[in-house]
């Protein structure tokens, strides 16, 4: 089965859309970055380096320093598919990120988005 084209797409190509989606709802770039740091374990400098290098999604998630174990608490529908039912690991990570950005745009508080108690 061929890999989905999102795997080879640059994170830098999609990142501005995450920012725009958040800002349209009164949220900020720094909140988007905080979500990415929480999910992947990358530092801000590492995120910026990957954006500059045009790293693709497959590599971005494969090289993530520490995927947050609490990410498995992310549930719900993104792009018509339940995140918790996605079996392909890379697609699941991408959809976790999409779901967190959706939650940000819908006005959820950061503590709820980042699954803190």
C-alpha atoms as a PDB file:
ATOM      1  CA  UNK A   1       0.000   0.000   0.000  1.00  0.00           C
ATOM      2  CA  UNK A   2       1.507   3.374  -0.972  1.00  0.00           C
ATOM      3  CA  UNK A   3       2.359   5.848   1.743  1.00  0.00           C
ATOM      4  CA  UNK A   4       0.125   8.878   2.120  1.00  0.00           C
ATOM      5  CA  UNK A   5       1.562  12.019   0.530  1.00  0.00           C
ATOM      6  CA  UNK A   6       1.449  13.886   3.875  1.00  0.00           C
ATOM      7  CA  UNK A   7       4.445  11.788   5.011  1.00  0.00           C
ATOM      8  CA  UNK A   8       6.712  13.390   2.433  1.00  0.00           C
ATOM      9  CA  UNK A   9       5.213  16.872   2.832  1.00  0.00           C
ATOM     10  CA  UNK A  10       7.307  19.456   4.621  1.00  0.00           C
ATOM     11  CA  UNK A  11       6.136  20.418   8.100  1.00  0.00           C
ATOM     12  CA  UNK A  12       7.073  23.977   7.106  1.00  0.00           C
ATOM     13  CA  UNK A  13       4.436  23.879   4.367  1.00  0.00           C
ATOM     14  CA  UNK A  14       1.619  23.035   6.815  1.00  0.00           C
ATOM     15  CA  UNK A  15       2.893  24.997   9.838  1.00  0.00           C
ATOM     16  CA  UNK A  16       1.625  28.411   8.581  1.00  0.00           C
ATOM     17  CA  UNK A  17      -1.851  26.879   8.272  1.00  0.00           C
ATOM     18  CA  UNK A  18      -1.701  25.786  11.916  1.00  0.00           C
ATOM     19  CA  UNK A  19      -0.768  29.363  12.881  1.00  0.00           C
ATOM     20  CA  UNK A  20      -3.509  30.899  10.714  1.00  0.00           C
ATOM     21  CA  UNK A  21      -6.138  28.524  12.095  1.00  0.00           C
ATOM     22  CA  UNK A  22      -5.148  29.409  15.663  1.00  0.00           C
ATOM     23  CA  UNK A  23      -4.884  33.157  15.075  1.00  0.00           C
ATOM     24  CA  UNK A  24      -8.297  33.320  13.362  1.00  0.00           C
ATOM     25  CA  UNK A  25      -9.722  32.146  16.685  1.00  0.00           C
ATOM     26  CA  UNK A  26      -7.709  34.554  18.824  1.00  0.00           C
ATOM     27  CA  UNK A  27      -4.963  32.103  19.733  1.00  0.00           C
ATOM     28  CA  UNK A  28      -1.235  32.561  19.176  1.00  0.00           C
ATOM     29  CA  UNK A  29       1.794  31.147  17.360  1.00  0.00           C
ATOM     30  CA  UNK A  30       3.431  30.589  20.747  1.00  0.00           C
ATOM     31  CA  UNK A  31       0.511  28.340  21.763  1.00  0.00           C
ATOM     32  CA  UNK A  32       0.894  26.334  18.539  1.00  0.00           C
ATOM     33  CA  UNK A  33       4.616  25.995  19.265  1.00  0.00           C
ATOM     34  CA  UNK A  34       3.895  24.939  22.845  1.00  0.00           C
ATOM     35  CA  UNK A  35       1.613  22.177  21.544  1.00  0.00           C
ATOM     36  CA  UNK A  36       4.309  20.949  19.144  1.00  0.00           C
ATOM     37  CA  UNK A  37       6.940  21.006  21.904  1.00  0.00           C
ATOM     38  CA  UNK A  38       4.608  19.112  24.265  1.00  0.00           C
ATOM     39  CA  UNK A  39       3.740  16.480  21.655  1.00  0.00           C
ATOM     40  CA  UNK A  40       7.242  15.861  20.275  1.00  0.00           C
ATOM     41  CA  UNK A  41       9.763  16.854  22.918  1.00  0.00           C
ATOM     42  CA  UNK A  42      11.523  19.192  20.492  1.00  0.00           C
ATOM     43  CA  UNK A  43      12.914  22.474  21.807  1.00  0.00           C
ATOM     44  CA  UNK A  44      11.816  25.693  20.139  1.00  0.00           C
ATOM     45  CA  UNK A  45      15.194  25.903  18.396  1.00  0.00           C
ATOM     46  CA  UNK A  46      14.832  22.350  17.092  1.00  0.00           C
ATOM     47  CA  UNK A  47      11.343  23.097  15.736  1.00  0.00           C
ATOM     48  CA  UNK A  48      12.650  26.180  13.951  1.00  0.00           C
ATOM     49  CA  UNK A  49      15.558  24.168  12.538  1.00  0.00           C
ATOM     50  CA  UNK A  50      13.182  21.540  11.129  1.00  0.00           C
ATOM     51  CA  UNK A  51      11.025  24.260   9.600  1.00  0.00           C
ATOM     52  CA  UNK A  52      14.081  25.850   8.021  1.00  0.00           C
ATOM     53  CA  UNK A  53      15.344  22.492   6.688  1.00  0.00           C
ATOM     54  CA  UNK A  54      11.894  21.687   5.255  1.00  0.00           C
ATOM     55  CA  UNK A  55      11.807  18.382   7.177  1.00  0.00           C
ATOM     56  CA  UNK A  56       9.007  16.081   6.052  1.00  0.00           C
ATOM     57  CA  UNK A  57       6.370  14.826   8.500  1.00  0.00           C
ATOM     58  CA  UNK A  58       7.667  11.239   8.537  1.00  0.00           C
ATOM     59  CA  UNK A  59      11.159  12.377   9.525  1.00  0.00           C
ATOM     60  CA  UNK A  60       9.851  15.034  11.931  1.00  0.00           C
ATOM     61  CA  UNK A  61       7.985  12.449  13.990  1.00  0.00           C
ATOM     62  CA  UNK A  62      10.582   9.675  13.559  1.00  0.00           C
ATOM     63  CA  UNK A  63      13.290  11.963  14.980  1.00  0.00           C
ATOM     64  CA  UNK A  64      11.157  13.458  17.765  1.00  0.00           C
ATOM     65  CA  UNK A  65      13.232  13.410  20.969  1.00  0.00           C
ATOM     66  CA  UNK A  66      10.382  12.288  23.219  1.00  0.00           C
ATOM     67  CA  UNK A  67       6.850  11.702  22.027  1.00  0.00           C
ATOM     68  CA  UNK A  68       4.686  12.609  24.994  1.00  0.00           C
ATOM     69  CA  UNK A  69       3.187   9.477  26.577  1.00  0.00           C
ATOM     70  CA  UNK A  70       0.037  11.470  27.448  1.00  0.00           C
ATOM     71  CA  UNK A  71      -0.677  11.858  23.712  1.00  0.00           C
ATOM     72  CA  UNK A  72      -2.570   8.554  23.878  1.00  0.00           C
ATOM     73  CA  UNK A  73      -5.216  10.448  25.873  1.00  0.00           C
ATOM     74  CA  UNK A  74      -6.069  12.420  22.710  1.00  0.00           C
ATOM     75  CA  UNK A  75      -9.423  11.193  21.441  1.00  0.00           C
ATOM     76  CA  UNK A  76     -11.923  12.399  18.895  1.00  0.00           C
ATOM     77  CA  UNK A  77     -12.479  12.872  15.194  1.00  0.00           C
ATOM     78  CA  UNK A  78     -10.133  14.625  12.805  1.00  0.00           C
ATOM     79  CA  UNK A  79     -10.662  14.617   9.028  1.00  0.00           C
ATOM     80  CA  UNK A  80     -13.627  12.293   9.573  1.00  0.00           C
ATOM     81  CA  UNK A  81     -11.547   9.627  11.316  1.00  0.00           C
ATOM     82  CA  UNK A  82     -11.365   8.753  14.996  1.00  0.00           C
ATOM     83  CA  UNK A  83      -7.785   9.432  16.093  1.00  0.00           C
ATOM     84  CA  UNK A  84      -7.757   6.548  18.552  1.00  0.00           C
ATOM     85  CA  UNK A  85      -8.655   4.091  15.743  1.00  0.00           C
ATOM     86  CA  UNK A  86      -5.764   5.017  13.432  1.00  0.00           C
ATOM     87  CA  UNK A  87      -3.364   2.091  13.276  1.00  0.00           C
ATOM     88  CA  UNK A  88      -0.504   3.469  11.158  1.00  0.00           C
ATOM     89  CA  UNK A  89       1.905   5.051  13.689  1.00  0.00           C
ATOM     90  CA  UNK A  90       3.099   8.049  11.646  1.00  0.00           C
ATOM     91  CA  UNK A  91      -0.421   8.964  10.540  1.00  0.00           C
ATOM     92  CA  UNK A  92      -1.576   8.688  14.151  1.00  0.00           C
ATOM     93  CA  UNK A  93       1.119  11.188  15.259  1.00  0.00           C
ATOM     94  CA  UNK A  94       0.157  13.605  12.472  1.00  0.00           C
ATOM     95  CA  UNK A  95      -3.516  13.367  13.418  1.00  0.00           C
ATOM     96  CA  UNK A  96      -2.702  13.867  17.107  1.00  0.00           C
ATOM     97  CA  UNK A  97      -1.112  17.176  16.112  1.00  0.00           C
ATOM     98  CA  UNK A  98      -4.088  18.084  13.911  1.00  0.00           C
ATOM     99  CA  UNK A  99      -6.502  17.298  16.759  1.00  0.00           C
ATOM    100  CA  UNK A 100      -4.551  19.445  19.241  1.00  0.00           C
ATOM    101  CA  UNK A 101      -4.556  22.384  16.807  1.00  0.00           C
ATOM    102  CA  UNK A 102      -8.320  21.897  16.318  1.00  0.00           C
ATOM    103  CA  UNK A 103      -8.816  21.987  20.080  1.00  0.00           C
ATOM    104  CA  UNK A 104      -6.777  25.182  20.309  1.00  0.00           C
ATOM    105  CA  UNK A 105      -8.870  26.800  17.575  1.00  0.00           C
ATOM    106  CA  UNK A 106     -12.060  25.704  19.333  1.00  0.00           C
ATOM    107  CA  UNK A 107     -11.057  27.628  22.437  1.00  0.00           C
ATOM    108  CA  UNK A 108      -9.996  24.843  24.787  1.00  0.00           C
ATOM    109  CA  UNK A 109      -7.648  25.916  27.534  1.00  0.00           C
ATOM    110  CA  UNK A 110      -4.003  24.897  27.231  1.00  0.00           C
ATOM    111  CA  UNK A 111      -4.154  22.696  30.349  1.00  0.00           C
ATOM    112  CA  UNK A 112      -6.949  20.651  28.759  1.00  0.00           C
ATOM    113  CA  UNK A 113      -5.207  20.535  25.361  1.00  0.00           C
ATOM    114  CA  UNK A 114      -1.952  19.381  26.972  1.00  0.00           C
ATOM    115  CA  UNK A 115      -3.806  16.804  29.068  1.00  0.00           C
ATOM    116  CA  UNK A 116      -2.541  18.148  32.387  1.00  0.00           C
ATOM    117  CA  UNK A 117      -4.454  17.509  35.574  1.00  0.00           C
END
